[in-house]
N, C-alpha and C. Protein backbone atom coordinates (compact mmCIF):
# COMPACT_ATOMS: atom_id res chain seq x y z
N UNK A 1 -11.88 1.56 -5.11
CA UNK A 1 -10.88 2.29 -5.86
C UNK A 1 -9.80 1.34 -6.36
N UNK A 2 -8.96 1.84 -7.18
CA UNK A 2 -7.95 1.02 -7.85
C UNK A 2 -6.70 0.81 -6.99
N UNK A 3 -5.86 -0.12 -7.45
CA UNK A 3 -4.59 -0.37 -6.79
C UNK A 3 -3.52 0.51 -7.43
N UNK A 4 -2.77 1.23 -6.60
CA UNK A 4 -1.79 2.19 -7.10
C UNK A 4 -0.55 2.20 -6.22
N UNK A 5 0.43 2.99 -6.63
CA UNK A 5 1.59 3.30 -5.81
C UNK A 5 1.65 4.82 -5.70
N UNK A 6 1.68 5.33 -4.49
CA UNK A 6 1.70 6.77 -4.24
C UNK A 6 2.93 7.15 -3.45
N UNK A 7 3.53 8.28 -3.79
CA UNK A 7 4.66 8.81 -3.05
C UNK A 7 4.25 10.15 -2.45
N UNK A 8 4.77 10.42 -1.26
CA UNK A 8 4.50 11.68 -0.62
C UNK A 8 5.68 12.14 0.21
N UNK A 9 5.63 13.41 0.63
CA UNK A 9 6.74 13.96 1.41
C UNK A 9 6.26 15.19 2.18
N UNK A 10 7.12 15.63 3.07
CA UNK A 10 6.84 16.83 3.85
C UNK A 10 7.35 18.07 3.12
N UNK A 11 7.03 19.23 3.65
CA UNK A 11 7.41 20.50 3.04
C UNK A 11 8.93 20.68 2.92
N UNK A 12 9.67 20.31 3.96
CA UNK A 12 11.12 20.52 3.92
C UNK A 12 11.88 19.40 3.23
N UNK A 13 11.22 18.29 2.92
CA UNK A 13 11.86 17.19 2.22
C UNK A 13 12.58 16.19 3.09
N UNK A 14 12.51 16.35 4.41
CA UNK A 14 13.22 15.43 5.31
C UNK A 14 12.55 14.06 5.41
N UNK A 15 11.22 14.00 5.23
CA UNK A 15 10.48 12.75 5.38
C UNK A 15 9.74 12.44 4.08
N UNK A 16 9.87 11.20 3.62
CA UNK A 16 9.17 10.72 2.42
C UNK A 16 8.51 9.39 2.75
N UNK A 17 7.43 9.08 2.02
CA UNK A 17 6.76 7.79 2.20
C UNK A 17 6.29 7.25 0.86
N UNK A 18 5.94 5.96 0.87
CA UNK A 18 5.37 5.30 -0.31
C UNK A 18 4.22 4.44 0.20
N UNK A 19 3.11 4.50 -0.51
CA UNK A 19 1.94 3.68 -0.18
C UNK A 19 1.56 2.90 -1.43
N UNK A 20 1.54 1.57 -1.32
CA UNK A 20 1.18 0.70 -2.44
C UNK A 20 -0.01 -0.15 -2.04
N UNK A 21 -0.86 -0.43 -3.01
CA UNK A 21 -1.99 -1.29 -2.76
C UNK A 21 -3.30 -0.63 -3.13
N UNK A 22 -4.39 -1.26 -2.75
CA UNK A 22 -5.69 -0.68 -3.08
C UNK A 22 -5.95 0.57 -2.26
N UNK A 23 -6.63 1.52 -2.87
CA UNK A 23 -7.01 2.74 -2.16
C UNK A 23 -8.33 2.50 -1.43
N UNK A 24 -8.48 3.19 -0.32
CA UNK A 24 -9.71 3.09 0.46
C UNK A 24 -10.56 4.34 0.30
N UNK A 25 -11.30 4.66 1.33
CA UNK A 25 -12.20 5.81 1.29
C UNK A 25 -11.43 7.11 1.17
N UNK A 26 -12.06 8.08 0.53
CA UNK A 26 -11.42 9.35 0.19
C UNK A 26 -12.41 10.45 0.55
N UNK A 27 -12.11 11.22 1.58
CA UNK A 27 -13.07 12.23 2.01
C UNK A 27 -12.42 13.47 2.63
N UNK A 28 -13.24 14.48 2.83
CA UNK A 28 -12.86 15.69 3.56
C UNK A 28 -13.37 15.52 4.98
N UNK A 29 -12.49 15.60 5.97
CA UNK A 29 -12.88 15.44 7.37
C UNK A 29 -12.90 16.80 8.07
N UNK A 30 -14.04 17.13 8.66
CA UNK A 30 -14.24 18.41 9.33
C UNK A 30 -14.20 18.28 10.86
N UNK A 31 -13.73 17.16 11.40
CA UNK A 31 -13.74 16.98 12.86
C UNK A 31 -12.83 18.03 13.53
N UNK A 32 -13.11 18.29 14.79
CA UNK A 32 -12.35 19.31 15.53
C UNK A 32 -10.86 18.98 15.61
N UNK A 33 -10.51 17.70 15.74
CA UNK A 33 -9.08 17.38 15.85
C UNK A 33 -8.36 17.60 14.53
N UNK A 34 -9.02 17.32 13.40
CA UNK A 34 -8.39 17.62 12.10
C UNK A 34 -8.25 19.13 11.92
N UNK A 35 -9.25 19.90 12.34
CA UNK A 35 -9.15 21.35 12.23
C UNK A 35 -7.95 21.87 13.01
N UNK A 36 -7.79 21.41 14.23
CA UNK A 36 -6.67 21.86 15.07
C UNK A 36 -5.33 21.39 14.52
N UNK A 37 -5.24 20.11 14.14
CA UNK A 37 -3.97 19.54 13.67
C UNK A 37 -3.49 20.20 12.39
N UNK A 38 -4.42 20.62 11.52
CA UNK A 38 -4.04 21.17 10.22
C UNK A 38 -4.25 22.67 10.12
N UNK A 39 -4.78 23.28 11.19
CA UNK A 39 -5.06 24.73 11.19
C UNK A 39 -5.87 25.11 9.96
N UNK A 40 -6.91 24.32 9.70
CA UNK A 40 -7.74 24.52 8.51
C UNK A 40 -9.17 24.07 8.81
N UNK A 41 -10.09 24.41 7.93
CA UNK A 41 -11.49 24.04 8.11
C UNK A 41 -11.69 22.53 8.03
N UNK A 42 -10.85 21.85 7.27
CA UNK A 42 -10.93 20.39 7.15
C UNK A 42 -9.62 19.88 6.56
N UNK A 43 -9.45 18.56 6.58
CA UNK A 43 -8.33 17.94 5.88
C UNK A 43 -8.89 16.86 4.96
N UNK A 44 -8.21 16.63 3.86
CA UNK A 44 -8.63 15.62 2.90
C UNK A 44 -7.76 14.40 3.13
N UNK A 45 -8.41 13.25 3.33
CA UNK A 45 -7.67 12.03 3.65
C UNK A 45 -8.06 10.89 2.71
N UNK A 46 -7.12 9.98 2.55
CA UNK A 46 -7.30 8.84 1.66
C UNK A 46 -6.82 7.58 2.38
N UNK A 47 -7.67 6.58 2.45
CA UNK A 47 -7.30 5.31 3.06
C UNK A 47 -6.36 4.53 2.17
N UNK A 48 -5.33 3.94 2.79
CA UNK A 48 -4.38 3.10 2.05
C UNK A 48 -4.10 1.83 2.83
N UNK A 49 -3.49 0.87 2.16
CA UNK A 49 -3.16 -0.43 2.75
C UNK A 49 -2.20 -0.27 3.93
N UNK A 50 -2.49 -0.94 5.02
CA UNK A 50 -1.60 -0.93 6.19
C UNK A 50 -0.24 -1.50 5.81
N UNK A 51 -0.25 -2.66 5.17
CA UNK A 51 1.00 -3.34 4.84
C UNK A 51 1.74 -2.73 3.66
N UNK A 52 1.05 -1.94 2.83
CA UNK A 52 1.68 -1.34 1.67
C UNK A 52 2.34 0.00 1.94
N UNK A 53 2.29 0.48 3.20
CA UNK A 53 2.85 1.78 3.53
C UNK A 53 4.25 1.62 4.11
N UNK A 54 5.19 2.51 3.68
CA UNK A 54 6.49 2.52 4.33
C UNK A 54 7.11 3.91 4.22
N UNK A 55 7.89 4.25 5.24
CA UNK A 55 8.68 5.48 5.20
C UNK A 55 9.88 5.20 4.33
N UNK A 56 10.17 6.03 3.34
CA UNK A 56 11.30 5.80 2.44
C UNK A 56 12.46 6.74 2.74
N UNK A 57 12.23 7.75 3.54
CA UNK A 57 13.28 8.67 3.97
C UNK A 57 12.81 9.33 5.26
N UNK A 58 13.70 9.48 6.21
CA UNK A 58 13.41 10.20 7.44
C UNK A 58 12.72 9.39 8.52
N UNK A 59 12.63 8.08 8.37
CA UNK A 59 11.95 7.26 9.38
C UNK A 59 12.50 7.49 10.80
N UNK A 60 13.82 7.66 10.97
CA UNK A 60 14.32 7.88 12.33
C UNK A 60 13.83 9.18 12.98
N UNK A 61 13.41 10.15 12.18
CA UNK A 61 12.97 11.42 12.78
C UNK A 61 11.46 11.63 12.78
N UNK A 62 10.74 10.93 11.89
CA UNK A 62 9.29 11.15 11.82
C UNK A 62 8.67 10.91 13.21
N UNK A 63 7.72 11.75 13.58
CA UNK A 63 7.12 11.70 14.91
C UNK A 63 5.62 11.52 14.82
N UNK A 64 5.02 11.13 15.94
CA UNK A 64 3.56 11.05 15.97
C UNK A 64 3.04 11.61 17.29
N UNK A 65 1.77 11.95 17.24
CA UNK A 65 1.03 12.43 18.41
C UNK A 65 -0.25 11.61 18.46
N UNK A 66 -0.57 11.01 19.61
CA UNK A 66 -1.81 10.25 19.75
C UNK A 66 -2.92 11.24 20.12
N UNK A 67 -3.71 11.63 19.11
CA UNK A 67 -4.72 12.67 19.30
C UNK A 67 -5.98 12.17 19.97
N UNK A 68 -6.25 10.90 19.88
CA UNK A 68 -7.34 10.24 20.61
C UNK A 68 -6.89 8.80 20.81
N UNK A 69 -7.47 8.08 21.75
CA UNK A 69 -6.98 6.72 22.02
C UNK A 69 -6.91 5.86 20.76
N UNK A 70 -5.70 5.40 20.44
CA UNK A 70 -5.49 4.53 19.30
C UNK A 70 -5.29 5.22 17.97
N UNK A 71 -5.40 6.56 17.90
CA UNK A 71 -5.19 7.28 16.65
C UNK A 71 -3.90 8.08 16.75
N UNK A 72 -2.96 7.73 15.87
CA UNK A 72 -1.68 8.44 15.84
C UNK A 72 -1.62 9.31 14.59
N UNK A 73 -1.21 10.56 14.78
CA UNK A 73 -1.04 11.51 13.68
C UNK A 73 0.46 11.69 13.46
N UNK A 74 0.95 11.27 12.29
CA UNK A 74 2.37 11.28 11.97
C UNK A 74 2.74 12.57 11.25
N UNK A 75 3.88 13.17 11.63
CA UNK A 75 4.29 14.46 11.06
C UNK A 75 5.81 14.57 11.06
N UNK A 76 6.30 15.52 10.25
CA UNK A 76 7.73 15.83 10.23
C UNK A 76 8.02 16.80 11.37
N UNK A 77 8.97 16.47 12.25
CA UNK A 77 9.27 17.37 13.36
C UNK A 77 10.07 18.60 12.95
N UNK A 78 10.62 18.60 11.73
CA UNK A 78 11.38 19.76 11.28
C UNK A 78 10.48 20.86 10.72
N UNK A 79 9.52 20.49 9.86
CA UNK A 79 8.66 21.52 9.23
C UNK A 79 7.21 21.46 9.69
N UNK A 80 6.82 20.39 10.38
CA UNK A 80 5.47 20.28 10.92
C UNK A 80 4.43 19.69 9.99
N UNK A 81 4.80 19.29 8.77
CA UNK A 81 3.84 18.74 7.83
C UNK A 81 3.21 17.46 8.38
N UNK A 82 1.88 17.42 8.39
CA UNK A 82 1.16 16.19 8.75
C UNK A 82 1.10 15.31 7.52
N UNK A 83 1.48 14.05 7.67
CA UNK A 83 1.65 13.15 6.54
C UNK A 83 0.62 12.03 6.50
N UNK A 84 0.28 11.50 7.67
CA UNK A 84 -0.55 10.30 7.71
C UNK A 84 -1.08 10.13 9.12
N UNK A 85 -2.21 9.47 9.23
CA UNK A 85 -2.72 9.06 10.53
C UNK A 85 -2.95 7.56 10.47
N UNK A 86 -2.78 6.89 11.60
CA UNK A 86 -3.10 5.47 11.62
C UNK A 86 -3.86 5.10 12.88
N UNK A 87 -4.56 3.99 12.76
CA UNK A 87 -5.34 3.41 13.84
C UNK A 87 -4.84 1.99 14.01
N UNK A 88 -3.99 1.76 15.01
CA UNK A 88 -3.31 0.48 15.15
C UNK A 88 -4.29 -0.67 15.30
N UNK A 89 -5.32 -0.49 16.12
CA UNK A 89 -6.25 -1.59 16.40
C UNK A 89 -6.95 -2.09 15.14
N UNK A 90 -7.40 -1.17 14.28
CA UNK A 90 -8.10 -1.57 13.06
C UNK A 90 -7.17 -1.70 11.86
N UNK A 91 -5.86 -1.43 12.07
CA UNK A 91 -4.86 -1.49 11.00
C UNK A 91 -5.32 -0.67 9.80
N UNK A 92 -5.65 0.58 10.08
CA UNK A 92 -6.10 1.53 9.08
C UNK A 92 -5.10 2.67 8.98
N UNK A 93 -4.77 3.09 7.77
CA UNK A 93 -3.90 4.24 7.55
C UNK A 93 -4.63 5.23 6.65
N UNK A 94 -4.47 6.53 6.96
CA UNK A 94 -5.10 7.58 6.18
C UNK A 94 -4.06 8.63 5.81
N UNK A 95 -3.75 8.72 4.52
CA UNK A 95 -2.79 9.71 4.04
C UNK A 95 -3.43 11.10 4.10
N UNK A 96 -2.60 12.10 4.36
CA UNK A 96 -3.01 13.49 4.22
C UNK A 96 -2.72 13.82 2.76
N UNK A 97 -3.77 13.93 1.97
CA UNK A 97 -3.66 14.01 0.52
C UNK A 97 -2.78 15.16 0.06
N UNK A 98 -2.79 16.27 0.77
CA UNK A 98 -1.98 17.42 0.36
C UNK A 98 -0.48 17.12 0.45
N UNK A 99 -0.09 16.05 1.13
CA UNK A 99 1.33 15.69 1.22
C UNK A 99 1.78 14.80 0.06
N UNK A 100 0.87 14.41 -0.82
CA UNK A 100 1.23 13.53 -1.93
C UNK A 100 2.06 14.27 -2.98
N UNK A 101 3.02 13.57 -3.54
CA UNK A 101 3.79 14.05 -4.68
C UNK A 101 3.27 13.42 -5.97
N UNK A 102 2.57 12.30 -5.86
CA UNK A 102 1.97 11.60 -6.99
C UNK A 102 0.60 12.20 -7.27
N UNK A 103 0.33 12.59 -8.52
CA UNK A 103 -1.01 13.11 -8.85
C UNK A 103 -2.07 12.02 -8.67
N UNK A 104 -3.26 12.43 -8.26
CA UNK A 104 -4.39 11.51 -8.10
C UNK A 104 -5.43 11.78 -9.19
N UNK A 105 -5.98 10.72 -9.72
CA UNK A 105 -7.11 10.86 -10.66
C UNK A 105 -8.43 10.83 -9.92
N UNK A 106 -8.47 10.11 -8.81
CA UNK A 106 -9.68 10.00 -8.02
C UNK A 106 -9.99 11.32 -7.34
N UNK A 107 -11.25 11.48 -6.93
CA UNK A 107 -11.70 12.68 -6.22
C UNK A 107 -12.38 12.24 -4.92
N UNK A 108 -12.37 13.10 -3.90
CA UNK A 108 -13.09 12.77 -2.66
C UNK A 108 -14.56 12.51 -2.95
N UNK A 109 -15.17 11.64 -2.12
CA UNK A 109 -16.56 11.30 -2.36
C UNK A 109 -17.54 11.84 -1.33
N UNK A 110 -17.05 12.47 -0.26
CA UNK A 110 -17.97 13.06 0.72
C UNK A 110 -17.24 13.91 1.74
N UNK A 111 -18.03 14.65 2.50
CA UNK A 111 -17.57 15.39 3.67
C UNK A 111 -18.04 14.61 4.89
N UNK A 112 -17.18 14.47 5.91
CA UNK A 112 -17.62 13.85 7.16
C UNK A 112 -17.43 14.82 8.32
N UNK A 113 -18.09 14.53 9.40
CA UNK A 113 -18.09 15.35 10.61
C UNK A 113 -18.61 16.78 10.35
N UNK A 114 -19.69 16.85 9.58
CA UNK A 114 -20.35 18.13 9.30
C UNK A 114 -20.78 18.80 10.59
N UNK A 115 -21.07 18.01 11.61
CA UNK A 115 -21.49 18.57 12.91
C UNK A 115 -20.39 19.39 13.57
N UNK A 116 -19.16 19.26 13.10
CA UNK A 116 -18.03 20.02 13.63
C UNK A 116 -17.59 21.16 12.70
N UNK A 117 -18.32 21.39 11.63
CA UNK A 117 -17.91 22.36 10.62
C UNK A 117 -17.58 23.72 11.23
N UNK A 118 -16.47 24.30 10.81
CA UNK A 118 -16.07 25.64 11.27
C UNK A 118 -17.17 26.65 10.94
N UNK A 119 -17.44 27.54 11.86
CA UNK A 119 -18.51 28.53 11.69
C UNK A 119 -18.37 29.33 10.41
N UNK A 120 -17.14 29.58 9.98
CA UNK A 120 -16.89 30.44 8.83
C UNK A 120 -16.80 29.69 7.51
N UNK A 121 -16.97 28.36 7.54
CA UNK A 121 -16.87 27.55 6.32
C UNK A 121 -18.24 27.30 5.72
N UNK A 122 -18.34 27.41 4.39
CA UNK A 122 -19.57 27.08 3.67
C UNK A 122 -19.28 26.03 2.62
N UNK A 123 -20.11 25.00 2.58
CA UNK A 123 -19.94 23.95 1.58
C UNK A 123 -20.29 24.51 0.21
N UNK A 124 -19.44 24.28 -0.77
CA UNK A 124 -19.66 24.82 -2.10
C UNK A 124 -19.62 23.76 -3.19
N UNK A 125 -19.72 22.49 -2.80
CA UNK A 125 -19.71 21.43 -3.80
C UNK A 125 -20.97 20.57 -3.61
N UNK A 126 -21.09 19.56 -4.41
CA UNK A 126 -22.30 18.72 -4.37
C UNK A 126 -22.05 17.36 -3.71
N UNK A 127 -20.93 17.22 -2.99
CA UNK A 127 -20.65 15.94 -2.32
C UNK A 127 -21.62 15.70 -1.17
N UNK A 128 -21.93 14.45 -0.89
CA UNK A 128 -22.76 14.14 0.28
C UNK A 128 -22.08 14.62 1.55
N UNK A 129 -22.88 14.94 2.57
CA UNK A 129 -22.37 15.43 3.84
C UNK A 129 -22.93 14.55 4.95
N UNK A 130 -22.05 14.05 5.82
CA UNK A 130 -22.48 13.23 6.97
C UNK A 130 -22.22 14.02 8.25
N UNK A 131 -23.15 13.96 9.21
CA UNK A 131 -22.96 14.71 10.46
C UNK A 131 -21.82 14.17 11.33
N UNK A 132 -21.49 12.89 11.19
CA UNK A 132 -20.37 12.30 11.95
C UNK A 132 -19.47 11.57 10.96
N UNK A 133 -18.75 10.54 11.44
CA UNK A 133 -17.81 9.82 10.57
C UNK A 133 -18.51 8.94 9.55
N UNK A 134 -17.72 8.30 8.73
CA UNK A 134 -18.24 7.39 7.69
C UNK A 134 -18.79 6.14 8.33
N UNK A 135 -19.68 5.48 7.60
CA UNK A 135 -20.18 4.16 8.03
C UNK A 135 -19.15 3.09 7.71
N UNK A 136 -18.31 3.34 6.69
CA UNK A 136 -17.31 2.33 6.31
C UNK A 136 -15.94 2.94 6.23
């Protein structure tokens, strides 16, 4: 994917971020932890540069929850909006696409963790589906 600058924020406006650099993988994740964290059938995430990410407002209040060893889910403690997840060991960051304020031209390229799909969800697009996480 291309190199861009993206801005995002939470619902109440207390926390803002900026991500600059090349974009990484872009997918819909159906894992059980994403379902619980977002109260939805899946969440759409986009990989971004570790070094190109920064909090531009609300850094003193933004919070995280370690949902599995080494994976931190960052959110606004005032409104609850999930903004980003990171994996410190692999220096990987994944934006929660619905928190973006910058429009995206790119589209997700697959569904992952199909093996965790909510019983009531039906796939209605032609994207590839993987039973677990991505290979890359």
